[in-house]
C-alpha atoms as a PDB file:
ATOM      1  CA  MET A   1      45.944   8.551 -30.397  1.00  0.00           C
ATOM      2  CA  ILE A   2      46.436   6.219 -27.884  1.00  0.00           C
ATOM      3  CA  ARG A   3      45.466   9.580 -24.849  1.00  0.00           C
ATOM      4  CA  LYS A   4      41.700   9.536 -27.051  1.00  0.00           C
ATOM      5  CA  ASN A   5      41.746   5.957 -26.595  1.00  0.00           C
ATOM      6  CA  ARG A   6      42.369   5.964 -22.850  1.00  0.00           C
ATOM      7  CA  ARG A   7      39.773   8.415 -23.520  1.00  0.00           C
ATOM      8  CA  VAL A   8      37.186   6.946 -24.982  1.00  0.00           C
ATOM      9  CA  LEU A   9      37.533   3.728 -22.532  1.00  0.00           C
ATOM     10  CA  ILE A  10      37.645   5.258 -19.156  1.00  0.00           C
ATOM     11  CA  ILE A  11      34.085   7.351 -20.309  1.00  0.00           C
ATOM     12  CA  GLY A  12      32.749   3.804 -21.860  1.00  0.00           C
ATOM     13  CA  ILE A  13      33.821   1.499 -18.610  1.00  0.00           C
ATOM     14  CA  LEU A  14      31.708   4.577 -16.712  1.00  0.00           C
ATOM     15  CA  ALA A  15      28.984   4.444 -17.954  1.00  0.00           C
ATOM     16  CA  THR A  16      29.342   0.752 -17.900  1.00  0.00           C
ATOM     17  CA  VAL A  17      29.163   1.458 -13.942  1.00  0.00           C
ATOM     18  CA  ALA A  18      26.657   3.797 -13.871  1.00  0.00           C
ATOM     19  CA  THR A  19      23.980   1.861 -15.942  1.00  0.00           C
ATOM     20  CA  ALA A  20      24.789  -1.094 -13.582  1.00  0.00           C
ATOM     21  CA  PHE A  21      24.341   1.303 -10.846  1.00  0.00           C
ATOM     22  CA  ALA A  22      20.834   2.722 -11.938  1.00  0.00           C
ATOM     23  CA  ALA A  23      19.879  -1.536 -12.560  1.00  0.00           C
ATOM     24  CA  ALA A  24      20.585  -2.727  -9.359  1.00  0.00           C
ATOM     25  CA  ILE A  25      18.865   0.952  -7.522  1.00  0.00           C
ATOM     26  CA  TYR A  26      15.272  -0.013  -9.693  1.00  0.00           C
ATOM     27  CA  PHE A  27      15.529  -3.945  -8.068  1.00  0.00           C
ATOM     28  CA  LEU A  28      16.435  -3.293  -4.808  1.00  0.00           C
ATOM     29  CA  PHE A  29      13.976  -0.747  -4.241  1.00  0.00           C
ATOM     30  CA  PHE A  30      11.563  -0.302  -6.530  1.00  0.00           C
ATOM     31  CA  LYS A  31      10.508  -3.712  -7.731  1.00  0.00           C
ATOM     32  CA  GLU A  32      10.281  -5.943  -5.321  1.00  0.00           C
ATOM     33  CA  ARG A  33       8.434  -2.779  -2.810  1.00  0.00           C
ATOM     34  CA  GLY A  34       5.858  -5.141  -2.673  1.00  0.00           C
ATOM     35  CA  VAL A  35       2.744  -3.605  -4.901  1.00  0.00           C
ATOM     36  CA  ASN A  36       0.401  -6.020  -5.227  1.00  0.00           C
ATOM     37  CA  GLN A  37      -0.669  -5.885  -9.774  1.00  0.00           C
ATOM     38  CA  GLY A  38      -3.410  -9.343  -8.232  1.00  0.00           C
ATOM     39  CA  SER A  39      -0.883 -11.547  -7.574  1.00  0.00           C
ATOM     40  CA  GLU A  40      -1.927 -12.753  -3.408  1.00  0.00           C
ATOM     41  CA  GLY A  41       1.610 -12.988  -1.466  1.00  0.00           C
ATOM     42  CA  LEU A  42       3.259  -9.085  -2.416  1.00  0.00           C
ATOM     43  CA  SER A  43       1.626  -6.595  -0.421  1.00  0.00           C
ATOM     44  CA  ARG A  44       3.262  -5.353   2.148  1.00  0.00           C
ATOM     45  CA  PHE A  45      -0.394  -4.441   3.697  1.00  0.00           C
ATOM     46  CA  LYS A  46      -1.815  -6.197   6.391  1.00  0.00           C
ATOM     47  CA  VAL A  47      -5.510  -5.581   7.643  1.00  0.00           C
ATOM     48  CA  GLU A  48      -6.815  -6.424  11.638  1.00  0.00           C
ATOM     49  CA  THR A  49      -9.713  -6.238  13.062  1.00  0.00           C
ATOM     50  CA  ILE A  50      -9.792  -3.546  16.263  1.00  0.00           C
ATOM     51  CA  LYS A  51     -11.798  -4.304  19.068  1.00  0.00           C
ATOM     52  CA  GLY A  52     -12.853   0.015  20.551  1.00  0.00           C
ATOM     53  CA  GLU A  53     -15.542   2.237  22.280  1.00  0.00           C
ATOM     54  CA  HIS A  54     -17.900   2.279  19.245  1.00  0.00           C
ATOM     55  CA  GLY A  55     -18.015  -0.203  17.733  1.00  0.00           C
ATOM     56  CA  TRP A  56     -15.322  -2.818  15.835  1.00  0.00           C
ATOM     57  CA  GLY A  57     -12.849  -0.647  13.499  1.00  0.00           C
ATOM     58  CA  TYR A  58      -9.357  -1.534  11.945  1.00  0.00           C
ATOM     59  CA  ASN A  59      -5.826  -1.359  11.645  1.00  0.00           C
ATOM     60  CA  ILE A  60      -3.991  -0.836   7.988  1.00  0.00           C
ATOM     61  CA  ARG A  61       0.090  -1.899   9.105  1.00  0.00           C
ATOM     62  CA  GLN A  62       2.123  -1.850   6.677  1.00  0.00           C
ATOM     63  CA  ASP A  63       5.618  -4.390   7.643  1.00  0.00           C
ATOM     64  CA  THR A  64       4.716  -3.539  10.738  1.00  0.00           C
ATOM     65  CA  THR A  65       4.431   0.572  11.264  1.00  0.00           C
ATOM     66  CA  LEU A  66       0.938   1.982  12.049  1.00  0.00           C
ATOM     67  CA  VAL A  67      -0.490   3.749   8.310  1.00  0.00           C
ATOM     68  CA  ILE A  68      -4.347   3.642   8.938  1.00  0.00           C
ATOM     69  CA  GLU A  69      -6.504   3.331  12.156  1.00  0.00           C
ATOM     70  CA  GLN A  70      -9.985   3.455  11.608  1.00  0.00           C
ATOM     71  CA  LYS A  71     -11.841   3.559  14.748  1.00  0.00           C
ATOM     72  CA  VAL A  72     -15.219   4.486  12.857  1.00  0.00           C
ATOM     73  CA  ILE A  73     -17.089   4.013   9.826  1.00  0.00           C
ATOM     74  CA  PRO A  74     -15.005   5.739   7.403  1.00  0.00           C
ATOM     75  CA  GLY A  75     -16.769   7.696   5.078  1.00  0.00           C
ATOM     76  CA  VAL A  76     -20.559   8.693   7.104  1.00  0.00           C
ATOM     77  CA  PRO A  77     -20.795  11.354   9.626  1.00  0.00           C
ATOM     78  CA  GLY A  78     -20.594   9.859  14.042  1.00  0.00           C
ATOM     79  CA  MET A  79     -19.003   8.126  15.998  1.00  0.00           C
ATOM     80  CA  ASN A  80     -20.382   4.837  14.820  1.00  0.00           C
ATOM     81  CA  GLY A  81     -18.170   1.672  15.106  1.00  0.00           C
ATOM     82  CA  PHE A  82     -18.910  -1.424  12.994  1.00  0.00           C
ATOM     83  CA  ALA A  83     -21.358  -3.835  14.054  1.00  0.00           C
ATOM     84  CA  THR A  84     -20.071  -6.592  13.908  1.00  0.00           C
ATOM     85  CA  GLU A  85     -16.135  -7.961  13.373  1.00  0.00           C
ATOM     86  CA  GLN A  86     -16.486  -9.038  10.243  1.00  0.00           C
ATOM     87  CA  GLU A  87     -17.958  -5.845   8.505  1.00  0.00           C
ATOM     88  CA  ALA A  88     -15.094  -4.118   9.820  1.00  0.00           C
ATOM     89  CA  ALA A  89     -12.981  -7.021   7.858  1.00  0.00           C
ATOM     90  CA  LYS A  90     -14.641  -6.287   4.872  1.00  0.00           C
ATOM     91  CA  THR A  91     -13.966  -2.957   4.599  1.00  0.00           C
ATOM     92  CA  GLY A  92      -9.698  -3.279   5.645  1.00  0.00           C
ATOM     93  CA  LYS A  93      -9.614  -5.598   2.890  1.00  0.00           C
ATOM     94  CA  LEU A  94     -11.565  -2.757   0.160  1.00  0.00           C
ATOM     95  CA  VAL A  95      -8.551  -0.462   1.604  1.00  0.00           C
ATOM     96  CA  LYS A  96      -5.561  -2.941   1.803  1.00  0.00           C
ATOM     97  CA  HIS A  97      -6.766  -3.435  -1.717  1.00  0.00           C
ATOM     98  CA  LYS A  98      -7.167   0.790  -2.458  1.00  0.00           C
ATOM     99  CA  LEU A  99      -3.636   1.273  -1.082  1.00  0.00           C
ATOM    100  CA  ASP A 100      -2.359  -1.984  -2.647  1.00  0.00           C
ATOM    101  CA  GLN A 101      -3.353  -0.260  -6.172  1.00  0.00           C
ATOM    102  CA  GLY A 102      -1.368   2.487  -5.344  1.00  0.00           C
ATOM    103  CA  VAL A 103      -4.264   4.510  -4.551  1.00  0.00           C
ATOM    104  CA  PHE A 104      -4.082   7.213  -1.250  1.00  0.00           C
ATOM    105  CA  PRO A 105      -6.562   8.676  -0.133  1.00  0.00           C
ATOM    106  CA  PRO A 106      -7.768   5.298   0.071  1.00  0.00           C
ATOM    107  CA  THR A 107     -11.612   6.890   0.812  1.00  0.00           C
ATOM    108  CA  ILE A 108     -15.080   5.087   1.223  1.00  0.00           C
ATOM    109  CA  SER A 109     -17.404   6.132  -0.226  1.00  0.00           C
ATOM    110  CA  THR A 110     -21.013   5.162   1.081  1.00  0.00           C
ATOM    111  CA  HIS A 111     -21.251   3.756  -2.222  1.00  0.00           C
ATOM    112  CA  GLU A 112     -19.163   1.606  -1.754  1.00  0.00           C
ATOM    113  CA  LEU A 113     -20.253   0.663   1.471  1.00  0.00           C
ATOM    114  CA  ASP A 114     -23.873  -0.392   1.081  1.00  0.00           C
ATOM    115  CA  SER A 115     -21.570  -2.472  -2.260  1.00  0.00           C
ATOM    116  CA  LEU A 116     -20.128  -4.448   1.230  1.00  0.00           C
ATOM    117  CA  ASP A 117     -23.565  -5.107   2.643  1.00  0.00           C
ATOM    118  CA  ILE A 118     -22.443  -2.637   5.458  1.00  0.00           C
ATOM    119  CA  LYS A 119     -24.142  -1.207   8.142  1.00  0.00           C
ATOM    120  CA  TYR A 120     -24.572   2.169   9.267  1.00  0.00           C
ATOM    121  CA  GLN A 121     -27.133   4.584   9.294  1.00  0.00           C
END
């Protein structure tokens, strides 16, 4: 009888430890990952504009790691950069928003460029 109770006690302790470990992993690695759910300040992605050979572009960084380097207007043929820094920043912000929402790859369509008033022709 004592052995049976001891076995049940050990199994209970192991189950409690395993549950605590799983909860700690969740909170450390997933809960605080910074996915933006409509709140500012949670995103780990940053947009920076860059001046390139063919016009303006943008970089997207996750913390300090370069994730996207976009030197030309996405979604249209050719090697043209954005005409202004503001156009590059607006498009970069849209890409950042998509990344925050978990969209990967964060493709940009001509319809989206039109809605941002980006000149690309």
